[in-house]
N, C-alpha and C. Protein backbone atom coordinates (compact mmCIF):
# COMPACT_ATOMS: atom_id res chain seq x y z
N MET A 1 -33.05 -48.39 22.16
CA MET A 1 -33.89 -49.49 22.63
C MET A 1 -32.90 -50.72 22.52
N ASP A 2 -32.29 -50.61 21.24
CA ASP A 2 -32.65 -52.14 21.14
C ASP A 2 -30.54 -51.99 22.12
N ALA A 3 -29.82 -51.41 22.00
CA ALA A 3 -28.57 -50.82 22.81
C ALA A 3 -28.99 -51.27 23.89
N VAL A 4 -30.05 -51.23 25.31
CA VAL A 4 -30.12 -51.38 26.34
C VAL A 4 -30.90 -52.89 25.73
N ARG A 5 -31.58 -53.02 25.20
CA ARG A 5 -32.02 -54.33 25.63
C ARG A 5 -30.96 -55.86 25.19
N ARG A 6 -30.03 -54.70 23.96
CA ARG A 6 -28.83 -56.41 24.16
C ARG A 6 -28.60 -56.62 25.37
N ALA A 7 -28.13 -55.97 25.93
CA ALA A 7 -27.38 -56.14 27.47
C ALA A 7 -28.01 -56.75 28.70
N ASP A 8 -26.64 -57.41 29.09
CA ASP A 8 -27.26 -59.20 30.18
C ASP A 8 -26.94 -58.06 31.62
N THR A 9 -26.40 -56.95 31.42
CA THR A 9 -26.84 -56.27 33.02
C THR A 9 -27.00 -54.25 32.96
N PRO A 10 -27.53 -54.21 34.12
CA PRO A 10 -28.56 -52.40 33.93
C PRO A 10 -26.29 -52.53 32.92
N VAL A 11 -27.12 -50.69 32.35
CA VAL A 11 -26.39 -50.15 31.33
C VAL A 11 -26.56 -48.50 32.31
N MET A 12 -25.02 -47.48 32.47
CA MET A 12 -25.36 -46.34 32.14
C MET A 12 -25.30 -45.67 30.93
N ALA A 13 -25.61 -44.68 31.10
CA ALA A 13 -25.90 -43.81 29.90
C ALA A 13 -24.20 -43.91 28.99
N LYS A 14 -23.66 -43.23 30.02
CA LYS A 14 -22.05 -43.66 28.71
C LYS A 14 -21.73 -44.72 28.12
N GLN A 15 -22.50 -45.30 28.68
CA GLN A 15 -22.26 -46.97 27.92
C GLN A 15 -23.45 -46.93 26.82
N VAL A 16 -24.01 -46.52 26.75
CA VAL A 16 -25.47 -46.63 25.48
C VAL A 16 -24.46 -45.73 24.80
N CYS A 17 -24.47 -44.41 24.50
CA CYS A 17 -23.42 -43.19 24.39
C CYS A 17 -22.43 -43.46 22.99
N GLY A 18 -21.34 -45.13 24.48
CA GLY A 18 -20.46 -45.87 23.31
C GLY A 18 -21.02 -46.66 22.07
N GLU A 19 -21.86 -47.19 22.96
CA GLU A 19 -23.05 -48.76 21.64
C GLU A 19 -23.53 -47.77 20.58
N LEU A 20 -23.68 -46.41 20.46
CA LEU A 20 -23.71 -45.73 19.51
C LEU A 20 -23.69 -45.37 18.00
N GLY A 21 -22.31 -45.99 19.35
CA GLY A 21 -20.97 -44.63 18.92
C GLY A 21 -20.87 -42.61 18.88
N MET A 22 -21.82 -41.97 20.40
CA MET A 22 -21.50 -41.62 19.82
C MET A 22 -20.22 -41.00 21.36
N SER A 23 -20.28 -39.59 21.26
CA SER A 23 -19.63 -39.38 21.71
C SER A 23 -19.78 -39.31 23.44
N GLN A 24 -18.67 -39.58 24.46
CA GLN A 24 -18.39 -39.62 25.84
C GLN A 24 -19.14 -38.60 26.63
N GLU A 25 -18.71 -36.98 26.36
CA GLU A 25 -18.39 -36.15 27.06
C GLU A 25 -19.56 -36.00 27.94
N PRO A 26 -19.64 -35.52 28.74
CA PRO A 26 -20.97 -34.26 29.60
C PRO A 26 -21.74 -34.29 29.40
N ALA A 27 -21.83 -33.80 28.45
CA ALA A 27 -23.15 -33.11 27.90
C ALA A 27 -23.76 -33.59 26.93
N ARG A 28 -23.20 -34.92 25.94
CA ARG A 28 -23.76 -35.80 24.95
C ARG A 28 -24.45 -36.74 26.64
N SER A 29 -23.39 -37.60 27.80
CA SER A 29 -24.10 -38.78 28.32
C SER A 29 -24.69 -37.50 29.46
N GLU A 30 -25.17 -36.75 29.90
CA GLU A 30 -26.04 -36.12 30.40
C GLU A 30 -27.64 -36.03 29.66
N ALA A 31 -27.60 -36.21 28.09
CA ALA A 31 -28.25 -35.95 27.31
C ALA A 31 -29.53 -37.24 26.89
N MET A 32 -28.52 -37.64 27.00
CA MET A 32 -28.26 -39.05 27.03
C MET A 32 -29.25 -40.17 28.67
N ARG A 33 -28.62 -39.58 29.36
CA ARG A 33 -29.58 -39.66 30.93
C ARG A 33 -30.82 -38.86 30.87
N SER A 34 -30.62 -38.07 30.10
CA SER A 34 -32.70 -37.04 30.03
C SER A 34 -33.70 -38.28 29.18
N LYS A 35 -32.66 -38.55 28.48
CA LYS A 35 -33.55 -39.11 27.12
C LYS A 35 -33.78 -41.04 27.72
N LEU A 36 -33.09 -41.23 28.57
CA LEU A 36 -33.11 -42.54 29.33
C LEU A 36 -34.68 -42.25 30.55
N ASN A 37 -34.03 -41.70 31.35
CA ASN A 37 -35.35 -41.57 32.18
C ASN A 37 -36.66 -40.99 31.96
N ARG A 38 -36.68 -40.59 30.25
CA ARG A 38 -38.16 -39.71 30.13
C ARG A 38 -38.89 -41.19 29.65
N LEU A 39 -37.85 -41.89 28.44
CA LEU A 39 -38.55 -43.06 28.73
C LEU A 39 -38.88 -44.29 29.53
N ALA A 40 -37.51 -43.94 30.80
CA ALA A 40 -38.21 -44.88 31.57
C ALA A 40 -39.99 -44.43 32.58
N GLU A 41 -39.32 -43.24 33.01
CA GLU A 41 -40.68 -42.54 33.24
C GLU A 41 -42.13 -43.43 32.28
N ARG A 42 -42.04 -43.03 30.65
CA ARG A 42 -43.37 -43.45 29.73
C ARG A 42 -43.34 -45.13 29.45
N GLY A 43 -42.46 -46.01 30.70
CA GLY A 43 -42.73 -47.16 30.80
C GLY A 43 -41.64 -48.39 30.05
N TRP A 44 -41.27 -47.77 28.67
CA TRP A 44 -40.89 -48.62 27.73
C TRP A 44 -38.94 -48.72 28.32
N LEU A 45 -38.76 -48.27 29.05
CA LEU A 45 -37.60 -48.77 30.00
C LEU A 45 -37.49 -49.46 32.06
N ARG A 46 -37.21 -49.39 32.07
CA ARG A 46 -36.95 -50.33 33.37
C ARG A 46 -35.88 -49.81 34.27
N LYS A 47 -36.33 -48.62 35.49
CA LYS A 47 -34.78 -48.10 36.03
C LYS A 47 -34.68 -48.69 37.24
N LEU A 48 -33.63 -48.66 37.96
CA LEU A 48 -33.07 -49.94 39.25
C LEU A 48 -33.11 -48.77 39.87
N ALA A 49 -33.70 -48.72 41.24
CA ALA A 49 -34.03 -48.00 42.50
C ALA A 49 -32.04 -47.92 42.54
N ASP A 50 -31.47 -46.78 43.09
CA ASP A 50 -30.59 -46.59 43.87
C ASP A 50 -29.63 -47.25 44.34
N GLY A 51 -28.99 -47.76 44.39
CA GLY A 51 -28.96 -48.88 45.76
C GLY A 51 -27.31 -48.37 46.69
């Protein structure tokens, strides 16, 4: 949460992985994307509409 909160602009899952020192390979970034989506569904994060 803190990695996303510190960002001035919208972040992508790969960026969050990099900020947390995790591997940015597709399997890891997809897992992070899933976690971020769940947080957005629960109201902890705000997800921007696809543009």
